[in-house]
Amino acid sequence: MLVTFKCHAAPDVTMLENLAQYLLGIIGKRLGARGVITHDELDTAIGKLEAAIAIDKKDRAEHEGHFHEGEEGREHHELQPGLAQRAFPFLDMLRAAKKEDNDIVWGI
């Protein structure tokens, strides 16, 4: 199922339900049929998401190149997109909403 986040300050952001649930969990919200991230919650939400992205980047950098070490025939392993790539449109929306003092809603 798809979830679409809406805000007057930015284009709509649509993502799969599992990613929406994960990102909302990071910022301390639950994915319901409808929801809102108020402009008062944006500073905290942005900070939590940026911190999670920084941790993910650090972990990925530490593990990069170690996949399948020592396995013959496995010279290169392509990593899946990291949290930064998957969360960027949502983070961009959070920042735009904060800049224009807007709320973000979904399920409406």
N, C-alpha and C. Protein backbone atom coordinates (compact mmCIF):
# COMPACT_ATOMS: atom_id res chain seq x y z
N MET A 1 0.83 -1.17 0.00
CA MET A 1 0.00 0.00 0.00
C MET A 1 0.88 1.25 0.00
N LEU A 2 0.43 2.28 -0.63
CA LEU A 2 1.17 3.54 -0.71
C LEU A 2 0.63 4.55 0.30
N VAL A 3 1.53 5.37 0.82
CA VAL A 3 1.17 6.45 1.73
C VAL A 3 1.66 7.74 1.09
N THR A 4 0.78 8.74 1.06
CA THR A 4 1.14 10.04 0.48
C THR A 4 1.12 11.10 1.56
N PHE A 5 2.26 11.76 1.73
CA PHE A 5 2.39 12.87 2.66
C PHE A 5 2.13 14.16 1.89
N LYS A 6 1.36 15.06 2.51
CA LYS A 6 1.00 16.31 1.85
C LYS A 6 1.35 17.49 2.74
N CYS A 7 1.77 18.57 2.07
CA CYS A 7 2.15 19.79 2.75
C CYS A 7 2.08 20.93 1.74
N HIS A 8 1.59 22.07 2.17
CA HIS A 8 1.49 23.21 1.25
C HIS A 8 2.87 23.74 0.83
N ALA A 9 3.90 23.44 1.59
CA ALA A 9 5.24 23.98 1.32
C ALA A 9 6.07 23.15 0.36
N ALA A 10 5.58 21.94 0.01
CA ALA A 10 6.40 21.03 -0.81
C ALA A 10 5.50 20.13 -1.65
N PRO A 11 6.05 19.55 -2.72
CA PRO A 11 5.28 18.57 -3.50
C PRO A 11 4.95 17.35 -2.63
N ASP A 12 3.89 16.64 -2.97
CA ASP A 12 3.52 15.43 -2.25
C ASP A 12 4.66 14.42 -2.30
N VAL A 13 4.79 13.64 -1.24
CA VAL A 13 5.78 12.57 -1.17
C VAL A 13 5.02 11.27 -0.96
N THR A 14 5.16 10.34 -1.91
CA THR A 14 4.49 9.05 -1.84
C THR A 14 5.54 7.96 -1.67
N MET A 15 5.24 7.04 -0.75
CA MET A 15 6.18 5.94 -0.49
C MET A 15 5.40 4.70 -0.07
N LEU A 16 6.08 3.58 -0.10
CA LEU A 16 5.48 2.34 0.36
C LEU A 16 5.20 2.41 1.86
N GLU A 17 4.17 1.71 2.27
CA GLU A 17 3.73 1.74 3.66
C GLU A 17 4.85 1.36 4.65
N ASN A 18 5.63 0.33 4.31
CA ASN A 18 6.68 -0.09 5.25
C ASN A 18 7.75 0.98 5.45
N LEU A 19 8.09 1.72 4.40
CA LEU A 19 9.07 2.80 4.54
C LEU A 19 8.45 3.95 5.33
N ALA A 20 7.19 4.28 5.05
CA ALA A 20 6.51 5.34 5.79
C ALA A 20 6.45 5.01 7.28
N GLN A 21 6.12 3.78 7.59
CA GLN A 21 6.06 3.34 8.98
C GLN A 21 7.44 3.46 9.65
N TYR A 22 8.47 3.05 8.94
CA TYR A 22 9.83 3.12 9.46
C TYR A 22 10.26 4.57 9.72
N LEU A 23 10.04 5.45 8.74
CA LEU A 23 10.45 6.84 8.90
C LEU A 23 9.65 7.54 10.00
N LEU A 24 8.37 7.27 10.06
CA LEU A 24 7.57 7.87 11.12
C LEU A 24 8.01 7.35 12.49
N GLY A 25 8.36 6.08 12.56
CA GLY A 25 8.87 5.52 13.82
C GLY A 25 10.13 6.22 14.29
N ILE A 26 11.01 6.54 13.36
CA ILE A 26 12.24 7.25 13.71
C ILE A 26 11.93 8.59 14.36
N ILE A 27 10.90 9.28 13.86
CA ILE A 27 10.60 10.61 14.40
C ILE A 27 9.59 10.57 15.54
N GLY A 28 9.20 9.35 15.95
CA GLY A 28 8.33 9.22 17.12
C GLY A 28 6.84 9.29 16.82
N LYS A 29 6.46 8.99 15.58
CA LYS A 29 5.05 8.99 15.21
C LYS A 29 4.65 7.58 14.79
N ARG A 30 3.34 7.35 14.78
CA ARG A 30 2.80 6.06 14.31
C ARG A 30 2.04 6.28 13.02
N LEU A 31 2.13 5.30 12.16
CA LEU A 31 1.39 5.35 10.90
C LEU A 31 -0.02 4.86 11.15
N GLY A 32 -0.96 5.77 11.03
CA GLY A 32 -2.37 5.41 11.13
C GLY A 32 -3.03 5.70 9.80
N ALA A 33 -4.33 5.47 9.75
CA ALA A 33 -5.07 5.77 8.52
C ALA A 33 -4.94 7.24 8.16
N ARG A 34 -4.89 8.09 9.17
CA ARG A 34 -4.67 9.53 9.00
C ARG A 34 -3.69 9.99 10.07
N GLY A 35 -2.99 11.05 9.75
CA GLY A 35 -2.06 11.58 10.73
C GLY A 35 -1.55 12.95 10.35
N VAL A 36 -0.84 13.54 11.31
CA VAL A 36 -0.28 14.87 11.09
C VAL A 36 1.04 15.00 11.84
N ILE A 37 1.94 15.71 11.24
CA ILE A 37 3.16 16.17 11.91
C ILE A 37 2.97 17.68 11.97
N THR A 38 2.76 18.20 13.17
CA THR A 38 2.49 19.62 13.30
C THR A 38 3.78 20.42 13.16
N HIS A 39 3.62 21.71 12.84
CA HIS A 39 4.80 22.56 12.68
C HIS A 39 5.60 22.65 13.97
N ASP A 40 4.94 22.44 15.13
CA ASP A 40 5.66 22.45 16.41
C ASP A 40 6.54 21.22 16.59
N GLU A 41 6.24 20.14 15.89
CA GLU A 41 7.00 18.90 16.00
C GLU A 41 8.15 18.80 15.00
N LEU A 42 8.23 19.73 14.08
CA LEU A 42 9.18 19.60 12.97
C LEU A 42 10.64 19.66 13.39
N ASP A 43 11.01 20.56 14.31
CA ASP A 43 12.41 20.63 14.75
C ASP A 43 12.88 19.29 15.30
N THR A 44 12.08 18.69 16.16
CA THR A 44 12.43 17.40 16.75
C THR A 44 12.48 16.32 15.68
N ALA A 45 11.48 16.30 14.80
CA ALA A 45 11.43 15.29 13.74
C ALA A 45 12.65 15.38 12.83
N ILE A 46 13.00 16.58 12.42
CA ILE A 46 14.17 16.77 11.55
C ILE A 46 15.44 16.31 12.25
N GLY A 47 15.60 16.68 13.51
CA GLY A 47 16.78 16.27 14.27
C GLY A 47 16.90 14.77 14.41
N LYS A 48 15.80 14.10 14.70
CA LYS A 48 15.82 12.64 14.85
C LYS A 48 16.14 11.95 13.53
N LEU A 49 15.55 12.43 12.45
CA LEU A 49 15.79 11.81 11.15
C LEU A 49 17.22 12.06 10.68
N GLU A 50 17.73 13.26 10.87
CA GLU A 50 19.13 13.55 10.51
C GLU A 50 20.10 12.70 11.32
N ALA A 51 19.81 12.49 12.61
CA ALA A 51 20.68 11.66 13.45
C ALA A 51 20.66 10.21 12.97
N ALA A 52 19.49 9.70 12.62
CA ALA A 52 19.38 8.32 12.12
C ALA A 52 20.13 8.16 10.81
N ILE A 53 20.05 9.16 9.95
CA ILE A 53 20.77 9.11 8.67
C ILE A 53 22.28 9.12 8.91
N ALA A 54 22.75 9.95 9.84
CA ALA A 54 24.19 10.01 10.15
C ALA A 54 24.68 8.66 10.69
N ILE A 55 23.91 8.03 11.54
CA ILE A 55 24.29 6.72 12.08
C ILE A 55 24.32 5.68 10.97
N ASP A 56 23.31 5.70 10.10
CA ASP A 56 23.26 4.76 8.99
C ASP A 56 24.46 4.94 8.06
N LYS A 57 24.80 6.20 7.75
CA LYS A 57 25.96 6.46 6.87
C LYS A 57 27.24 5.95 7.51
N LYS A 58 27.38 6.16 8.81
CA LYS A 58 28.58 5.71 9.52
C LYS A 58 28.67 4.18 9.49
N ASP A 59 27.55 3.53 9.79
CA ASP A 59 27.53 2.05 9.78
C ASP A 59 27.82 1.50 8.39
N ARG A 60 27.26 2.11 7.37
CA ARG A 60 27.48 1.65 6.00
C ARG A 60 28.93 1.85 5.59
N ALA A 61 29.53 2.96 6.01
CA ALA A 61 30.94 3.22 5.68
C ALA A 61 31.85 2.19 6.34
N GLU A 62 31.52 1.81 7.58
CA GLU A 62 32.33 0.83 8.30
C GLU A 62 32.24 -0.56 7.66
N HIS A 63 31.08 -0.88 7.10
CA HIS A 63 30.87 -2.21 6.55
C HIS A 63 31.11 -2.30 5.05
N GLU A 64 31.27 -1.16 4.40
CA GLU A 64 31.46 -1.15 2.96
C GLU A 64 32.71 -1.94 2.58
N GLY A 65 32.57 -2.79 1.61
CA GLY A 65 33.72 -3.58 1.16
C GLY A 65 33.94 -4.86 1.93
N HIS A 66 33.17 -5.07 3.00
CA HIS A 66 33.36 -6.28 3.80
C HIS A 66 32.35 -7.37 3.46
N PHE A 67 31.39 -7.07 2.58
CA PHE A 67 30.42 -8.07 2.20
C PHE A 67 31.10 -9.16 1.37
N HIS A 68 30.87 -10.38 1.73
CA HIS A 68 31.37 -11.55 1.01
C HIS A 68 32.90 -11.60 0.96
N GLU A 69 33.55 -11.03 1.96
CA GLU A 69 35.01 -11.12 2.00
C GLU A 69 35.42 -12.58 2.05
N GLY A 70 36.36 -12.92 1.25
CA GLY A 70 36.89 -14.27 1.26
C GLY A 70 36.10 -15.26 0.43
N GLU A 71 34.97 -14.83 -0.13
CA GLU A 71 34.19 -15.71 -0.98
C GLU A 71 34.70 -15.61 -2.41
N GLU A 72 35.04 -16.76 -2.99
CA GLU A 72 35.51 -16.75 -4.36
C GLU A 72 34.35 -16.44 -5.30
N GLY A 73 34.63 -15.70 -6.34
CA GLY A 73 33.61 -15.37 -7.32
C GLY A 73 32.70 -14.23 -6.88
N ARG A 74 32.95 -13.68 -5.72
CA ARG A 74 32.13 -12.57 -5.20
C ARG A 74 33.03 -11.36 -5.01
N GLU A 75 33.43 -10.77 -6.12
CA GLU A 75 34.35 -9.64 -6.04
C GLU A 75 33.65 -8.34 -5.71
N HIS A 76 32.39 -8.22 -6.08
CA HIS A 76 31.68 -6.97 -5.88
C HIS A 76 30.26 -7.25 -5.41
N HIS A 77 29.85 -6.59 -4.37
CA HIS A 77 28.48 -6.72 -3.87
C HIS A 77 27.87 -5.34 -3.83
N GLU A 78 26.79 -5.17 -4.53
CA GLU A 78 26.14 -3.86 -4.58
C GLU A 78 25.27 -3.66 -3.35
N LEU A 79 25.49 -2.57 -2.64
CA LEU A 79 24.70 -2.26 -1.45
C LEU A 79 23.34 -1.69 -1.85
N GLN A 80 22.35 -2.00 -1.05
CA GLN A 80 21.03 -1.42 -1.24
C GLN A 80 21.09 0.07 -0.89
N PRO A 81 20.16 0.86 -1.40
CA PRO A 81 20.16 2.29 -1.05
C PRO A 81 20.06 2.47 0.47
N GLY A 82 20.80 3.43 0.97
CA GLY A 82 20.81 3.68 2.40
C GLY A 82 19.65 4.55 2.84
N LEU A 83 19.58 4.76 4.12
CA LEU A 83 18.51 5.57 4.69
C LEU A 83 18.51 6.98 4.11
N ALA A 84 19.68 7.54 3.86
CA ALA A 84 19.74 8.90 3.31
C ALA A 84 19.02 8.99 1.97
N GLN A 85 19.23 8.01 1.10
CA GLN A 85 18.59 8.03 -0.20
C GLN A 85 17.08 7.81 -0.08
N ARG A 86 16.68 6.91 0.79
CA ARG A 86 15.26 6.59 0.93
C ARG A 86 14.50 7.69 1.67
N ALA A 87 15.15 8.38 2.59
CA ALA A 87 14.48 9.38 3.42
C ALA A 87 14.56 10.79 2.87
N PHE A 88 15.42 11.03 1.85
CA PHE A 88 15.65 12.40 1.39
C PHE A 88 14.38 13.15 1.01
N PRO A 89 13.47 12.58 0.21
CA PRO A 89 12.27 13.36 -0.15
C PRO A 89 11.44 13.75 1.08
N PHE A 90 11.35 12.84 2.04
CA PHE A 90 10.59 13.11 3.26
C PHE A 90 11.30 14.17 4.11
N LEU A 91 12.62 14.06 4.24
CA LEU A 91 13.38 15.05 4.99
C LEU A 91 13.29 16.42 4.34
N ASP A 92 13.35 16.44 3.03
CA ASP A 92 13.21 17.69 2.28
C ASP A 92 11.84 18.32 2.57
N MET A 93 10.79 17.50 2.62
CA MET A 93 9.45 18.00 2.93
C MET A 93 9.39 18.55 4.35
N LEU A 94 10.01 17.84 5.31
CA LEU A 94 10.04 18.32 6.70
C LEU A 94 10.70 19.69 6.77
N ARG A 95 11.81 19.84 6.09
CA ARG A 95 12.52 21.13 6.11
C ARG A 95 11.71 22.24 5.46
N ALA A 96 11.06 21.94 4.34
CA ALA A 96 10.23 22.94 3.66
C ALA A 96 9.05 23.35 4.53
N ALA A 97 8.43 22.38 5.19
CA ALA A 97 7.31 22.67 6.07
C ALA A 97 7.75 23.54 7.24
N LYS A 98 8.93 23.26 7.78
CA LYS A 98 9.45 24.07 8.89
C LYS A 98 9.70 25.50 8.43
N LYS A 99 10.29 25.63 7.25
CA LYS A 99 10.62 26.96 6.72
C LYS A 99 9.36 27.82 6.55
N GLU A 100 8.26 27.18 6.13
CA GLU A 100 7.03 27.92 5.89
C GLU A 100 6.00 27.75 7.01
N ASP A 101 6.43 27.13 8.12
CA ASP A 101 5.56 26.98 9.30
C ASP A 101 4.27 26.23 8.96
N ASN A 102 4.40 25.13 8.19
CA ASN A 102 3.26 24.30 7.78
C ASN A 102 3.25 22.98 8.52
N ASP A 103 2.10 22.31 8.47
CA ASP A 103 1.96 20.95 8.98
C ASP A 103 2.08 19.98 7.80
N ILE A 104 2.38 18.73 8.11
CA ILE A 104 2.40 17.65 7.12
C ILE A 104 1.31 16.68 7.50
N VAL A 105 0.50 16.27 6.54
CA VAL A 105 -0.60 15.35 6.81
C VAL A 105 -0.53 14.15 5.87
N TRP A 106 -1.19 13.08 6.26
CA TRP A 106 -1.35 11.92 5.38
C TRP A 106 -2.71 11.30 5.65
N GLY A 107 -3.21 10.58 4.65
CA GLY A 107 -4.48 9.87 4.78
C GLY A 107 -5.70 10.75 4.56
N ILE A 108 -5.51 11.91 3.99
CA ILE A 108 -6.65 12.81 3.77
C ILE A 108 -6.94 12.89 2.28
